[in-house]
Amino acid sequence: MHWAELYEYQRQLDKYIEQHKNVEKESVVDHKTLAFYVELGELANETRCFKFWSNKSESDHETIREEYVDGLHFLLSLGIELNSYVESAEISDVTSRTEAFLTVYQRLGEWKREKTKQTYQNLFDAYVTLAAALNISEEDMKQAYLEKNDENYDRQDRGY
């Protein structure tokens, strides 16, 4: 995957939102970090992978893919905020979707405590590993990202 392309799309979207919402040049890193935590939780809820007590099925693949790219938008944006970019991502082996989610949460906590390029890379790798665990291919991820990116511009134009 050519992550530089997605970073550039995200940079343009972030700038557009900042201009339309009159965001001061104050740091929004904490806001975006919390948003990423929330999106990760929403994604986990759609997969229902941790709900051993329930017989209800997970959401359809399209919904899971959309929730995944909501988080990807914030992950890319965090990299831009702190001038940390990845060129490639390493997919690790995981034994379950639950393990993959917990690893992302762990890496996000590590990154929150120590915002370095290495902790960001580790977080990014964990999030891409989660995509693999959710059967979201890189091409699928990119297509969903581009669709959601267009929707995010439309939302801003509609006063979201």
C-alpha atoms as a PDB file:
ATOM      1  CA  MET A   1       0.000   0.000   0.000  1.00  0.00           C
ATOM      2  CA  HIS A   2       1.221   3.498  -0.804  1.00  0.00           C
ATOM      3  CA  TRP A   3       0.451   5.178   2.492  1.00  0.00           C
ATOM      4  CA  ALA A   4       1.859   8.531   1.334  1.00  0.00           C
ATOM      5  CA  GLU A   5      -1.160   8.945  -0.935  1.00  0.00           C
ATOM      6  CA  LEU A   6      -3.599   8.439   1.941  1.00  0.00           C
ATOM      7  CA  TYR A   7      -1.616  10.782   4.178  1.00  0.00           C
ATOM      8  CA  GLU A   8      -1.913  13.462   1.510  1.00  0.00           C
ATOM      9  CA  TYR A   9      -5.678  12.955   1.197  1.00  0.00           C
ATOM     10  CA  GLN A  10      -5.948  13.134   4.977  1.00  0.00           C
ATOM     11  CA  ARG A  11      -3.796  16.258   5.171  1.00  0.00           C
ATOM     12  CA  GLN A  12      -6.095  17.975   2.673  1.00  0.00           C
ATOM     13  CA  LEU A  13      -9.220  16.885   4.573  1.00  0.00           C
ATOM     14  CA  ASP A  14      -7.774  18.015   7.911  1.00  0.00           C
ATOM     15  CA  LYS A  15      -6.945  21.433   6.434  1.00  0.00           C
ATOM     16  CA  TYR A  16     -10.436  21.717   4.936  1.00  0.00           C
ATOM     17  CA  ILE A  17     -12.063  20.882   8.281  1.00  0.00           C
ATOM     18  CA  GLU A  18      -9.794  23.275  10.188  1.00  0.00           C
ATOM     19  CA  GLN A  19     -10.711  26.102   7.805  1.00  0.00           C
ATOM     20  CA  HIS A  20     -14.447  25.368   7.866  1.00  0.00           C
ATOM     21  CA  LYS A  21     -14.584  24.894  11.639  1.00  0.00           C
ATOM     22  CA  ASN A  22     -12.230  27.800  12.381  1.00  0.00           C
ATOM     23  CA  VAL A  23      -9.929  25.539  14.340  1.00  0.00           C
ATOM     24  CA  GLU A  24      -7.181  27.555  15.946  1.00  0.00           C
ATOM     25  CA  LYS A  25      -3.687  26.236  15.587  1.00  0.00           C
ATOM     26  CA  GLU A  26      -4.071  24.746  19.041  1.00  0.00           C
ATOM     27  CA  SER A  27      -3.231  21.115  19.398  1.00  0.00           C
ATOM     28  CA  VAL A  28      -6.080  18.756  18.662  1.00  0.00           C
ATOM     29  CA  VAL A  29      -3.991  15.648  19.263  1.00  0.00           C
ATOM     30  CA  ASP A  30      -5.867  14.680  22.442  1.00  0.00           C
ATOM     31  CA  HIS A  31      -9.212  15.137  20.681  1.00  0.00           C
ATOM     32  CA  LYS A  32      -8.105  12.976  17.771  1.00  0.00           C
ATOM     33  CA  THR A  33      -6.645  10.379  20.132  1.00  0.00           C
ATOM     34  CA  LEU A  34      -9.939  10.072  21.991  1.00  0.00           C
ATOM     35  CA  ALA A  35     -11.777   9.929  18.657  1.00  0.00           C
ATOM     36  CA  PHE A  36      -9.550   7.037  17.600  1.00  0.00           C
ATOM     37  CA  TYR A  37     -10.303   5.198  20.868  1.00  0.00           C
ATOM     38  CA  VAL A  38     -14.039   5.728  20.255  1.00  0.00           C
ATOM     39  CA  GLU A  39     -13.871   4.563  16.636  1.00  0.00           C
ATOM     40  CA  LEU A  40     -11.930   1.477  17.705  1.00  0.00           C
ATOM     41  CA  GLY A  41     -14.641   0.660  20.229  1.00  0.00           C
ATOM     42  CA  GLU A  42     -17.375   1.179  17.648  1.00  0.00           C
ATOM     43  CA  LEU A  43     -15.545  -1.169  15.296  1.00  0.00           C
ATOM     44  CA  ALA A  44     -15.174  -3.823  17.994  1.00  0.00           C
ATOM     45  CA  ASN A  45     -18.874  -3.525  18.750  1.00  0.00           C
ATOM     46  CA  GLU A  46     -19.777  -4.110  15.089  1.00  0.00           C
ATOM     47  CA  THR A  47     -17.640  -7.264  14.951  1.00  0.00           C
ATOM     48  CA  ARG A  48     -19.061  -8.536  18.248  1.00  0.00           C
ATOM     49  CA  CYS A  49     -15.896 -10.645  18.504  1.00  0.00           C
ATOM     50  CA  PHE A  50     -15.719 -10.220  22.269  1.00  0.00           C
ATOM     51  CA  LYS A  51     -19.409 -10.862  22.975  1.00  0.00           C
ATOM     52  CA  PHE A  52     -19.129 -14.534  23.904  1.00  0.00           C
ATOM     53  CA  TRP A  53     -22.425 -14.249  25.782  1.00  0.00           C
ATOM     54  CA  SER A  54     -24.438 -13.304  22.686  1.00  0.00           C
ATOM     55  CA  ASN A  55     -25.687 -15.296  19.721  1.00  0.00           C
ATOM     56  CA  LYS A  56     -26.285 -12.204  17.598  1.00  0.00           C
ATOM     57  CA  SER A  57     -24.198 -12.144  14.402  1.00  0.00           C
ATOM     58  CA  GLU A  58     -21.598  -9.535  13.577  1.00  0.00           C
ATOM     59  CA  SER A  59     -22.495  -6.704  11.232  1.00  0.00           C
ATOM     60  CA  ASP A  60     -22.025  -7.184   7.503  1.00  0.00           C
ATOM     61  CA  HIS A  61     -18.565  -6.787   5.995  1.00  0.00           C
ATOM     62  CA  GLU A  62     -19.408  -3.400   4.472  1.00  0.00           C
ATOM     63  CA  THR A  63     -20.336  -1.938   7.872  1.00  0.00           C
ATOM     64  CA  ILE A  64     -17.185  -3.338   9.473  1.00  0.00           C
ATOM     65  CA  ARG A  65     -15.078  -1.956   6.630  1.00  0.00           C
ATOM     66  CA  GLU A  66     -16.665   1.494   7.020  1.00  0.00           C
ATOM     67  CA  GLU A  67     -16.054   1.505  10.771  1.00  0.00           C
ATOM     68  CA  TYR A  68     -12.470   0.440  10.183  1.00  0.00           C
ATOM     69  CA  VAL A  69     -11.744   3.360   7.853  1.00  0.00           C
ATOM     70  CA  ASP A  70     -13.326   5.800  10.319  1.00  0.00           C
ATOM     71  CA  GLY A  71     -10.488   4.819  12.635  1.00  0.00           C
ATOM     72  CA  LEU A  72      -7.962   4.936   9.810  1.00  0.00           C
ATOM     73  CA  HIS A  73      -8.834   8.593   9.186  1.00  0.00           C
ATOM     74  CA  PHE A  74      -7.906   9.455  12.774  1.00  0.00           C
ATOM     75  CA  LEU A  75      -4.802   7.279  12.754  1.00  0.00           C
ATOM     76  CA  LEU A  76      -3.490   9.024   9.641  1.00  0.00           C
ATOM     77  CA  SER A  77      -4.419  12.400  11.091  1.00  0.00           C
ATOM     78  CA  LEU A  78      -2.490  11.662  14.293  1.00  0.00           C
ATOM     79  CA  GLY A  79       0.576  10.850  12.222  1.00  0.00           C
ATOM     80  CA  ILE A  80       0.225  14.156  10.407  1.00  0.00           C
ATOM     81  CA  GLU A  81      -0.235  16.113  13.652  1.00  0.00           C
ATOM     82  CA  LEU A  82       3.028  14.795  15.057  1.00  0.00           C
ATOM     83  CA  ASN A  83       4.958  14.530  11.796  1.00  0.00           C
ATOM     84  CA  SER A  84       5.172  10.743  12.049  1.00  0.00           C
ATOM     85  CA  TYR A  85       4.516   8.863   8.853  1.00  0.00           C
ATOM     86  CA  VAL A  86       4.802   5.240   7.903  1.00  0.00           C
ATOM     87  CA  GLU A  87       5.938   3.987   4.535  1.00  0.00           C
ATOM     88  CA  SER A  88       4.979   0.376   5.080  1.00  0.00           C
ATOM     89  CA  ALA A  89       3.171  -1.688   7.663  1.00  0.00           C
ATOM     90  CA  GLU A  90       4.015  -5.091   9.041  1.00  0.00           C
ATOM     91  CA  ILE A  91       1.184  -7.546   9.624  1.00  0.00           C
ATOM     92  CA  SER A  92       1.674  -9.766  12.667  1.00  0.00           C
ATOM     93  CA  ASP A  93       0.103 -13.108  13.403  1.00  0.00           C
ATOM     94  CA  VAL A  94      -2.795 -12.971  15.829  1.00  0.00           C
ATOM     95  CA  THR A  95      -4.817 -15.795  17.317  1.00  0.00           C
ATOM     96  CA  SER A  96      -8.136 -13.953  17.354  1.00  0.00           C
ATOM     97  CA  ARG A  97      -9.878 -10.723  16.496  1.00  0.00           C
ATOM     98  CA  THR A  98     -10.137  -9.956  20.188  1.00  0.00           C
ATOM     99  CA  GLU A  99      -6.355 -10.251  20.510  1.00  0.00           C
ATOM    100  CA  ALA A 100      -5.944  -7.938  17.518  1.00  0.00           C
ATOM    101  CA  PHE A 101      -8.209  -5.301  19.107  1.00  0.00           C
ATOM    102  CA  LEU A 102      -6.448  -5.540  22.452  1.00  0.00           C
ATOM    103  CA  THR A 103      -3.090  -5.119  20.748  1.00  0.00           C
ATOM    104  CA  VAL A 104      -4.284  -1.926  19.033  1.00  0.00           C
ATOM    105  CA  TYR A 105      -5.559  -0.578  22.364  1.00  0.00           C
ATOM    106  CA  GLN A 106      -2.229  -1.454  23.995  1.00  0.00           C
ATOM    107  CA  ARG A 107      -0.207   0.197  21.230  1.00  0.00           C
ATOM    108  CA  LEU A 108      -2.448   3.260  21.337  1.00  0.00           C
ATOM    109  CA  GLY A 109      -1.815   3.583  25.066  1.00  0.00           C
ATOM    110  CA  GLU A 110       1.935   3.254  24.511  1.00  0.00           C
ATOM    111  CA  TRP A 111       1.796   5.903  21.800  1.00  0.00           C
ATOM    112  CA  LYS A 112      -0.266   8.209  24.032  1.00  0.00           C
ATOM    113  CA  ARG A 113       2.399   7.988  26.758  1.00  0.00           C
ATOM    114  CA  GLU A 114       5.377   8.335  24.419  1.00  0.00           C
ATOM    115  CA  LYS A 115       4.655   9.951  21.072  1.00  0.00           C
ATOM    116  CA  THR A 116       7.602   8.749  19.010  1.00  0.00           C
ATOM    117  CA  LYS A 117       7.892   7.585  15.432  1.00  0.00           C
ATOM    118  CA  GLN A 118       8.486   4.048  16.718  1.00  0.00           C
ATOM    119  CA  THR A 119       5.384   3.941  18.929  1.00  0.00           C
ATOM    120  CA  TYR A 120       3.360   5.362  16.026  1.00  0.00           C
ATOM    121  CA  GLN A 121       4.775   2.705  13.683  1.00  0.00           C
ATOM    122  CA  ASN A 122       3.872   0.009  16.234  1.00  0.00           C
ATOM    123  CA  LEU A 123       0.343   1.393  16.488  1.00  0.00           C
ATOM    124  CA  PHE A 124       0.018   1.568  12.713  1.00  0.00           C
ATOM    125  CA  ASP A 125       1.266  -2.011  12.326  1.00  0.00           C
ATOM    126  CA  ALA A 126      -1.255  -3.195  14.918  1.00  0.00           C
ATOM    127  CA  TYR A 127      -4.104  -1.415  13.122  1.00  0.00           C
ATOM    128  CA  VAL A 128      -3.172  -2.924   9.764  1.00  0.00           C
ATOM    129  CA  THR A 129      -2.903  -6.331  11.459  1.00  0.00           C
ATOM    130  CA  LEU A 130      -6.440  -5.763  12.741  1.00  0.00           C
ATOM    131  CA  ALA A 131      -7.579  -5.137   9.151  1.00  0.00           C
ATOM    132  CA  ALA A 132      -6.124  -8.486   8.137  1.00  0.00           C
ATOM    133  CA  ALA A 133      -7.889 -10.171  11.064  1.00  0.00           C
ATOM    134  CA  LEU A 134     -11.139  -8.584   9.833  1.00  0.00           C
ATOM    135  CA  ASN A 135     -10.517  -9.792   6.256  1.00  0.00           C
ATOM    136  CA  ILE A 136     -10.099  -6.258   4.952  1.00  0.00           C
ATOM    137  CA  SER A 137      -7.566  -6.242   2.147  1.00  0.00           C
ATOM    138  CA  GLU A 138      -5.344  -3.257   1.408  1.00  0.00           C
ATOM    139  CA  GLU A 139      -7.279  -2.569  -1.784  1.00  0.00           C
ATOM    140  CA  ASP A 140     -10.572  -2.813   0.096  1.00  0.00           C
ATOM    141  CA  MET A 141      -9.176  -0.490   2.776  1.00  0.00           C
ATOM    142  CA  LYS A 142      -8.033   2.089   0.243  1.00  0.00           C
ATOM    143  CA  GLN A 143     -11.328   2.051  -1.639  1.00  0.00           C
ATOM    144  CA  ALA A 144     -13.333   2.415   1.566  1.00  0.00           C
ATOM    145  CA  TYR A 145     -11.016   5.215   2.731  1.00  0.00           C
ATOM    146  CA  LEU A 146     -11.510   7.160  -0.517  1.00  0.00           C
ATOM    147  CA  GLU A 147     -15.294   6.721  -0.337  1.00  0.00           C
ATOM    148  CA  LYS A 148     -15.411   7.892   3.275  1.00  0.00           C
ATOM    149  CA  ASN A 149     -13.046  10.763   2.512  1.00  0.00           C
ATOM    150  CA  ASP A 150     -15.492  12.060  -0.111  1.00  0.00           C
ATOM    151  CA  GLU A 151     -18.353  11.633   2.354  1.00  0.00           C
ATOM    152  CA  ASN A 152     -16.417  13.597   4.990  1.00  0.00           C
ATOM    153  CA  TYR A 153     -16.077  16.561   2.614  1.00  0.00           C
ATOM    154  CA  ASP A 154     -19.807  16.368   1.856  1.00  0.00           C
ATOM    155  CA  ARG A 155     -20.585  16.297   5.568  1.00  0.00           C
ATOM    156  CA  GLN A 156     -18.512  19.424   6.155  1.00  0.00           C
ATOM    157  CA  ASP A 157     -20.311  21.170   3.318  1.00  0.00           C
ATOM    158  CA  ARG A 158     -23.668  20.221   4.877  1.00  0.00           C
ATOM    159  CA  GLY A 159     -22.680  21.649   8.264  1.00  0.00           C
ATOM    160  CA  TYR A 160     -21.969  18.342  10.036  1.00  0.00           C
END
